PDB file of N, CA and C in Angstrom:
ATOM      1  N   MET A   1       1.089  -1.197   0.693  1.00  0.00           N
ATOM      2  CA  MET A   1       0.045  -0.438  -0.223  1.00  0.00           C
ATOM      3  C   MET A   1       0.629   1.458   0.706  1.00  0.00           C
ATOM      4  N   GLU A   2       0.299   2.347  -0.731  1.00  0.00           N
ATOM      5  CA  GLU A   2       1.239   3.368  -1.057  1.00  0.00           C
ATOM      6  C   GLU A   2       0.994   4.382   0.618  1.00  0.00           C
ATOM      7  N   VAL A   3       1.866   5.215   1.321  1.00  0.00           N
ATOM      8  CA  VAL A   3       1.976   6.053   2.003  1.00  0.00           C
ATOM      9  C   VAL A   3       0.587   6.656   1.903  1.00  0.00           C
ATOM     10  N   GLU A   4       0.682   7.767   0.969  1.00  0.00           N
ATOM     11  CA  GLU A   4      -0.426   9.077   0.791  1.00  0.00           C
ATOM     12  C   GLU A   4      -1.243   8.214   1.253  1.00  0.00           C
ATOM     13  N   ALA A   5      -2.462   6.531   0.331  1.00  0.00           N
ATOM     14  CA  ALA A   5      -3.096   6.282   1.112  1.00  0.00           C
ATOM     15  C   ALA A   5      -3.289   5.527   2.005  1.00  0.00           C
ATOM     16  N   ALA A   6      -2.703   5.158   2.519  1.00  0.00           N
ATOM     17  CA  ALA A   6      -2.136   5.138   4.160  1.00  0.00           C
ATOM     18  C   ALA A   6      -2.533   5.867   4.517  1.00  0.00           C
ATOM     19  N   LYS A   7      -1.774   7.394   4.424  1.00  0.00           N
ATOM     20  CA  LYS A   7      -2.969   8.227   5.716  1.00  0.00           C
ATOM     21  C   LYS A   7      -4.017   8.750   4.816  1.00  0.00           C
ATOM     22  N   MET A   8      -5.206   8.344   4.273  1.00  0.00           N
ATOM     23  CA  MET A   8      -5.566   9.265   3.531  1.00  0.00           C
ATOM     24  C   MET A   8      -6.632   7.777   4.643  1.00  0.00           C
ATOM     25  N   ILE A   9      -6.152   6.812   4.476  1.00  0.00           N
ATOM     26  CA  ILE A   9      -7.108   6.181   5.411  1.00  0.00           C
ATOM     27  C   ILE A   9      -7.315   6.367   6.918  1.00  0.00           C
ATOM     28  N   GLY A  10      -6.059   6.225   7.079  1.00  0.00           N
ATOM     29  CA  GLY A  10      -6.465   7.288   8.642  1.00  0.00           C
ATOM     30  C   GLY A  10      -6.233   8.435   9.332  1.00  0.00           C
ATOM     31  N   ALA A  11      -6.649   8.947   8.266  1.00  0.00           N
ATOM     32  CA  ALA A  11      -7.287  10.503   8.466  1.00  0.00           C
ATOM     33  C   ALA A  11      -8.781  10.316   8.059  1.00  0.00           C
ATOM     34  N   GLY A  12      -9.416   9.498   7.594  1.00  0.00           N
ATOM     35  CA  GLY A  12     -10.818   9.366   7.942  1.00  0.00           C
ATOM     36  C   GLY A  12     -11.194   8.270   8.098  1.00  0.00           C
ATOM     37  N   LEU A  13     -10.370   7.439   9.353  1.00  0.00           N
ATOM     38  CA  LEU A  13     -10.756   7.281  10.557  1.00  0.00           C
ATOM     39  C   LEU A  13     -10.502   7.759  11.531  1.00  0.00           C
ATOM     40  N   ALA A  14     -10.034   8.735  11.837  1.00  0.00           N
ATOM     41  CA  ALA A  14      -9.658   9.831  12.951  1.00  0.00           C
ATOM     42  C   ALA A  14     -10.878  10.722  13.044  1.00  0.00           C
ATOM     43  N   ALA A  15     -11.585  11.202  11.649  1.00  0.00           N
ATOM     44  CA  ALA A  15     -12.953  11.837  11.435  1.00  0.00           C
ATOM     45  C   ALA A  15     -14.449  11.521  12.087  1.00  0.00           C
ATOM     46  N   ILE A  16     -13.841   9.894  12.486  1.00  0.00           N
ATOM     47  CA  ILE A  16     -15.294   9.657  12.513  1.00  0.00           C
ATOM     48  C   ILE A  16     -15.676  10.340  14.213  1.00  0.00           C
ATOM     49  N   ALA A  17     -14.659  10.414  15.130  1.00  0.00           N
ATOM     50  CA  ALA A  17     -14.724  11.031  16.108  1.00  0.00           C
ATOM     51  C   ALA A  17     -16.984  12.341  16.325  1.00  0.00           C
ATOM     52  N   LEU A  18     -16.451  12.918  14.578  1.00  0.00           N
ATOM     53  CA  LEU A  18     -16.729  13.654  15.068  1.00  0.00           C
ATOM     54  C   LEU A  18     -18.583  13.488  14.923  1.00  0.00           C
ATOM     55  N   ALA A  19     -18.348  12.177  14.574  1.00  0.00           N
ATOM     56  CA  ALA A  19     -19.830  11.898  14.692  1.00  0.00           C
ATOM     57  C   ALA A  19     -19.935  11.335  15.346  1.00  0.00           C
ATOM     58  N   GLY A  20     -19.456  10.767  16.432  1.00  0.00           N
ATOM     59  CA  GLY A  20     -19.973  10.504  17.639  1.00  0.00           C
ATOM     60  C   GLY A  20     -19.998  11.576  18.298  1.00  0.00           C
ATOM     61  N   ALA A  21     -19.382  13.275  18.605  1.00  0.00           N
ATOM     62  CA  ALA A  21     -18.619  14.589  18.560  1.00  0.00           C
ATOM     63  C   ALA A  21     -21.100  14.921  18.325  1.00  0.00           C
ATOM     64  N   GLY A  22     -20.861  14.540  16.957  1.00  0.00           N
ATOM     65  CA  GLY A  22     -22.491  14.891  16.662  1.00  0.00           C
ATOM     66  C   GLY A  22     -23.382  14.643  17.569  1.00  0.00           C
ATOM     67  N   ALA A  23     -23.033  13.076  17.583  1.00  0.00           N
ATOM     68  CA  ALA A  23     -24.197  12.571  18.368  1.00  0.00           C
ATOM     69  C   ALA A  23     -24.852  12.878  19.066  1.00  0.00           C
ATOM     70  N   GLY A  24     -23.410  13.161  20.640  1.00  0.00           N
ATOM     71  CA  GLY A  24     -23.254  13.084  21.943  1.00  0.00           C
ATOM     72  C   GLY A  24     -24.181  14.647  21.883  1.00  0.00           C
ATOM     73  N   ILE A  25     -23.448  15.680  20.911  1.00  0.00           N
ATOM     74  CA  ILE A  25     -24.090  16.878  21.638  1.00  0.00           C
ATOM     75  C   ILE A  25     -25.697  16.486  21.412  1.00  0.00           C
ATOM     76  N   GLY A  26     -25.770  15.838  20.240  1.00  0.00           N
ATOM     77  CA  GLY A  26     -27.223  15.608  20.588  1.00  0.00           C
ATOM     78  C   GLY A  26     -28.665  14.731  21.417  1.00  0.00           C
ATOM     79  N   ILE A  27     -27.702  14.431  21.890  1.00  0.00           N
ATOM     80  CA  ILE A  27     -28.376  13.238  23.410  1.00  0.00           C
ATOM     81  C   ILE A  27     -28.481  14.107  24.441  1.00  0.00           C
ATOM     82  N   ILE A  28     -26.962  15.004  24.199  1.00  0.00           N
ATOM     83  CA  ILE A  28     -27.264  15.941  26.213  1.00  0.00           C
ATOM     84  C   ILE A  28     -28.039  17.459  25.728  1.00  0.00           C
ATOM     85  N   PHE A  29     -28.152  18.124  24.161  1.00  0.00           N
ATOM     86  CA  PHE A  29     -29.472  18.835  24.282  1.00  0.00           C
ATOM     87  C   PHE A  29     -30.352  17.854  24.413  1.00  0.00           C
ATOM     88  N   GLY A  30     -30.814  16.671  24.019  1.00  0.00           N
ATOM     89  CA  GLY A  30     -32.553  16.289  24.033  1.00  0.00           C
ATOM     90  C   GLY A  30     -32.351  16.282  25.260  1.00  0.00           C
ATOM     91  N   ASN A  31     -32.124  14.859  26.214  1.00  0.00           N
ATOM     92  CA  ASN A  31     -31.653  15.403  27.463  1.00  0.00           C
ATOM     93  C   ASN A  31     -32.642  15.940  28.227  1.00  0.00           C
ATOM     94  N   PHE A  32     -31.796  17.686  28.439  1.00  0.00           N
ATOM     95  CA  PHE A  32     -32.239  18.785  28.629  1.00  0.00           C
ATOM     96  C   PHE A  32     -32.804  19.517  28.411  1.00  0.00           C
ATOM     97  N   LEU A  33     -33.500  19.610  27.668  1.00  0.00           N
ATOM     98  CA  LEU A  33     -34.600  19.437  26.698  1.00  0.00           C
ATOM     99  C   LEU A  33     -36.467  18.935  27.531  1.00  0.00           C
ATOM    100  N   ASN A  34     -35.559  17.603  27.675  1.00  0.00           N
ATOM    101  CA  ASN A  34     -36.905  17.048  27.963  1.00  0.00           C
ATOM    102  C   ASN A  34     -37.161  16.935  29.589  1.00  0.00           C
ATOM    103  N   GLY A  35     -35.975  17.184  30.491  1.00  0.00           N
ATOM    104  CA  GLY A  35     -35.970  17.483  31.913  1.00  0.00           C
ATOM    105  C   GLY A  35     -36.210  19.004  32.224  1.00  0.00           C
ATOM    106  N   ALA A  36     -36.088  19.608  31.092  1.00  0.00           N
ATOM    107  CA  ALA A  36     -35.841  21.562  31.131  1.00  0.00           C
ATOM    108  C   ALA A  36     -38.095  20.929  30.975  1.00  0.00           C
ATOM    109  N   LEU A  37     -38.653  19.989  30.914  1.00  0.00           N
ATOM    110  CA  LEU A  37     -40.042  20.359  30.602  1.00  0.00           C
ATOM    111  C   LEU A  37     -40.300  19.414  31.128  1.00  0.00           C
ATOM    112  N   ARG A  38     -40.036  18.719  32.047  1.00  0.00           N
ATOM    113  CA  ARG A  38     -40.884  17.870  32.736  1.00  0.00           C
ATOM    114  C   ARG A  38     -40.489  18.978  34.131  1.00  0.00           C
ATOM    115  N   ASN A  39     -39.130  19.884  34.512  1.00  0.00           N
ATOM    116  CA  ASN A  39     -38.976  20.331  36.061  1.00  0.00           C
ATOM    117  C   ASN A  39     -38.559  22.157  35.408  1.00  0.00           C
ATOM    118  N   PRO A  40     -39.848  22.769  34.899  1.00  0.00           N
ATOM    119  CA  PRO A  40     -39.204  24.137  34.858  1.00  0.00           C
ATOM    120  C   PRO A  40     -38.094  24.375  36.267  1.00  0.00           C
ATOM    121  N   SER A  41     -38.600  24.843  36.474  1.00  0.00           N
ATOM    122  CA  SER A  41     -37.916  25.250  37.170  1.00  0.00           C
ATOM    123  C   SER A  41     -36.243  24.976  38.300  1.00  0.00           C
ATOM    124  N   ALA A  42     -36.446  23.395  37.946  1.00  0.00           N
ATOM    125  CA  ALA A  42     -34.811  22.644  37.635  1.00  0.00           C
ATOM    126  C   ALA A  42     -34.072  23.274  36.570  1.00  0.00           C
ATOM    127  N   ALA A  43     -34.380  24.140  35.787  1.00  0.00           N
ATOM    128  CA  ALA A  43     -33.934  23.021  34.034  1.00  0.00           C
ATOM    129  C   ALA A  43     -33.072  24.601  34.371  1.00  0.00           C
ATOM    130  N   GLN A  44     -32.753  25.615  35.107  1.00  0.00           N
ATOM    131  CA  GLN A  44     -31.559  26.833  35.433  1.00  0.00           C
ATOM    132  C   GLN A  44     -30.360  26.405  36.223  1.00  0.00           C
ATOM    133  N   GLY A  45     -30.641  25.420  37.181  1.00  0.00           N
ATOM    134  CA  GLY A  45     -28.939  25.739  38.458  1.00  0.00           C
ATOM    135  C   GLY A  45     -29.069  24.017  36.840  1.00  0.00           C
ATOM    136  N   GLN A  46     -29.523  23.206  36.767  1.00  0.00           N
ATOM    137  CA  GLN A  46     -28.398  22.648  35.536  1.00  0.00           C
ATOM    138  C   GLN A  46     -27.644  23.822  34.041  1.00  0.00           C
ATOM    139  N   PHE A  47     -28.211  24.336  33.889  1.00  0.00           N
ATOM    140  CA  PHE A  47     -27.680  25.073  32.297  1.00  0.00           C
ATOM    141  C   PHE A  47     -26.450  25.530  32.525  1.00  0.00           C
ATOM    142  N   PRO A  48     -25.729  25.146  33.715  1.00  0.00           N
ATOM    143  CA  PRO A  48     -24.216  25.182  33.776  1.00  0.00           C
ATOM    144  C   PRO A  48     -23.622  23.749  32.980  1.00  0.00           C
ATOM    145  N   ASN A  49     -24.049  23.039  33.499  1.00  0.00           N
ATOM    146  CA  ASN A  49     -23.823  21.198  33.285  1.00  0.00           C
ATOM    147  C   ASN A  49     -24.527  20.408  31.833  1.00  0.00           C
ATOM    148  N   LEU A  50     -25.082  21.616  31.233  1.00  0.00           N
ATOM    149  CA  LEU A  50     -25.301  21.118  29.768  1.00  0.00           C
ATOM    150  C   LEU A  50     -24.407  21.755  29.887  1.00  0.00           C
ATOM    151  N   LEU A  51     -23.510  23.358  29.698  1.00  0.00           N
ATOM    152  CA  LEU A  51     -23.014  24.079  29.297  1.00  0.00           C
ATOM    153  C   LEU A  51     -21.453  23.507  29.175  1.00  0.00           C
ATOM    154  N   LEU A  52     -20.615  22.165  29.970  1.00  0.00           N
ATOM    155  CA  LEU A  52     -19.715  21.903  31.000  1.00  0.00           C
ATOM    156  C   LEU A  52     -19.866  20.477  30.390  1.00  0.00           C
ATOM    157  N   GLY A  53     -21.262  19.592  29.655  1.00  0.00           N
ATOM    158  CA  GLY A  53     -20.778  18.831  28.920  1.00  0.00           C
ATOM    159  C   GLY A  53     -20.857  19.197  27.392  1.00  0.00           C
ATOM    160  N   PHE A  54     -21.391  19.632  27.185  1.00  0.00           N
ATOM    161  CA  PHE A  54     -21.241  20.571  25.329  1.00  0.00           C
ATOM    162  C   PHE A  54     -20.099  20.397  24.614  1.00  0.00           C
ATOM    163  N   ALA A  55     -19.184  21.365  25.801  1.00  0.00           N
ATOM    164  CA  ALA A  55     -18.071  22.074  26.006  1.00  0.00           C
ATOM    165  C   ALA A  55     -16.864  20.902  25.732  1.00  0.00           C
ATOM    166  N   LEU A  56     -17.152  19.550  27.179  1.00  0.00           N
ATOM    167  CA  LEU A  56     -16.152  17.981  27.032  1.00  0.00           C
ATOM    168  C   LEU A  56     -16.414  17.678  25.345  1.00  0.00           C
ATOM    169  N   THR A  57     -17.499  17.556  25.439  1.00  0.00           N
ATOM    170  CA  THR A  57     -18.339  16.930  23.322  1.00  0.00           C
ATOM    171  C   THR A  57     -17.291  17.249  22.580  1.00  0.00           C
ATOM    172  N   GLU A  58     -18.044  18.447  21.887  1.00  0.00           N
ATOM    173  CA  GLU A  58     -17.354  19.070  21.044  1.00  0.00           C
ATOM    174  C   GLU A  58     -16.347  19.380  21.248  1.00  0.00           C
ATOM    175  N   ALA A  59     -14.766  19.181  22.167  1.00  0.00           N
ATOM    176  CA  ALA A  59     -13.536  18.646  22.790  1.00  0.00           C
ATOM    177  C   ALA A  59     -12.984  17.645  22.066  1.00  0.00           C
ATOM    178  N   THR A  60     -14.172  16.445  21.855  1.00  0.00           N
ATOM    179  CA  THR A  60     -13.408  15.493  21.750  1.00  0.00           C
ATOM    180  C   THR A  60     -12.647  15.012  20.058  1.00  0.00           C
ATOM    181  N   GLY A  61     -14.453  15.865  19.997  1.00  0.00           N
ATOM    182  CA  GLY A  61     -14.376  16.494  18.414  1.00  0.00           C
ATOM    183  C   GLY A  61     -13.674  16.201  17.427  1.00  0.00           C
ATOM    184  N   LEU A  62     -12.999  17.616  17.472  1.00  0.00           N
ATOM    185  CA  LEU A  62     -12.054  19.133  18.123  1.00  0.00           C
ATOM    186  C   LEU A  62     -10.974  18.101  17.871  1.00  0.00           C
ATOM    187  N   PHE A  63     -10.389  17.840  18.688  1.00  0.00           N
ATOM    188  CA  PHE A  63      -9.231  16.438  18.504  1.00  0.00           C
ATOM    189  C   PHE A  63      -9.305  15.345  17.456  1.00  0.00           C
ATOM    190  N   GLY A  64     -10.746  14.855  17.657  1.00  0.00           N
ATOM    191  CA  GLY A  64     -10.345  14.371  16.673  1.00  0.00           C
ATOM    192  C   GLY A  64     -10.407  14.621  14.866  1.00  0.00           C
ATOM    193  N   LEU A  65     -10.778  15.582  15.093  1.00  0.00           N
ATOM    194  CA  LEU A  65     -10.385  16.768  13.409  1.00  0.00           C
ATOM    195  C   LEU A  65      -8.590  17.489  13.485  1.00  0.00           C
ATOM    196  N   LEU A  66      -8.508  16.630  14.849  1.00  0.00           N
ATOM    197  CA  LEU A  66      -6.968  17.574  14.941  1.00  0.00           C
ATOM    198  C   LEU A  66      -5.325  16.224  14.530  1.00  0.00           C
ATOM    199  N   VAL A  67      -5.904  15.270  15.299  1.00  0.00           N
ATOM    200  CA  VAL A  67      -5.538  14.011  14.738  1.00  0.00           C
ATOM    201  C   VAL A  67      -5.553  13.554  13.212  1.00  0.00           C
ATOM    202  N   SER A  68      -6.678  13.551  12.967  1.00  0.00           N
ATOM    203  CA  SER A  68      -7.136  13.953  11.494  1.00  0.00           C
ATOM    204  C   SER A  68      -5.977  14.547  10.477  1.00  0.00           C
ATOM    205  N   PHE A  69      -6.483  16.034  10.472  1.00  0.00           N
ATOM    206  CA  PHE A  69      -5.498  16.866  10.344  1.00  0.00           C
ATOM    207  C   PHE A  69      -3.777  16.648  10.850  1.00  0.00           C
ATOM    208  N   ILE A  70      -3.094  16.523  11.223  1.00  0.00           N
ATOM    209  CA  ILE A  70      -2.035  16.165  11.656  1.00  0.00           C
ATOM    210  C   ILE A  70      -1.310  14.715  10.784  1.00  0.00           C
ATOM    211  N   ILE A  71      -2.262  14.051  10.956  1.00  0.00           N
ATOM    212  CA  ILE A  71      -1.561  13.217   9.815  1.00  0.00           C
ATOM    213  C   ILE A  71      -2.054  13.231   8.076  1.00  0.00           C
ATOM    214  N   LEU A  72      -2.641  13.649   7.998  1.00  0.00           N
ATOM    215  CA  LEU A  72      -3.043  13.855   6.691  1.00  0.00           C
ATOM    216  C   LEU A  72      -1.064  15.237   6.018  1.00  0.00           C
ATOM    217  N   TYR A  73      -1.639  16.077   7.347  1.00  0.00           N
ATOM    218  CA  TYR A  73      -0.727  16.854   6.691  1.00  0.00           C
ATOM    219  C   TYR A  73       0.290  17.295   7.737  1.00  0.00           C
ATOM    220  N   GLY A  74       0.646  15.980   8.608  1.00  0.00           N
ATOM    221  CA  GLY A  74       2.477  16.563   9.738  1.00  0.00           C
ATOM    222  C   GLY A  74       3.011  15.424   9.394  1.00  0.00           C
TER     223      GLY A  74
END
């Protein structure tokens, strides 16, 4: 196998983390909305947890994208 082809395959596999991040963000916001509609008074207290979960999930996706770029251009 040529090195260039192996780089493309590796970068594609590393980019799969973006799909996981997208699904994770959807789950986080969906569960927050579900809980907020069930108990609106507790929604404001859980908002910082929502943002923390979003940031950590998004960071996971960005790390996967960074690894993909490192494989391609490094």
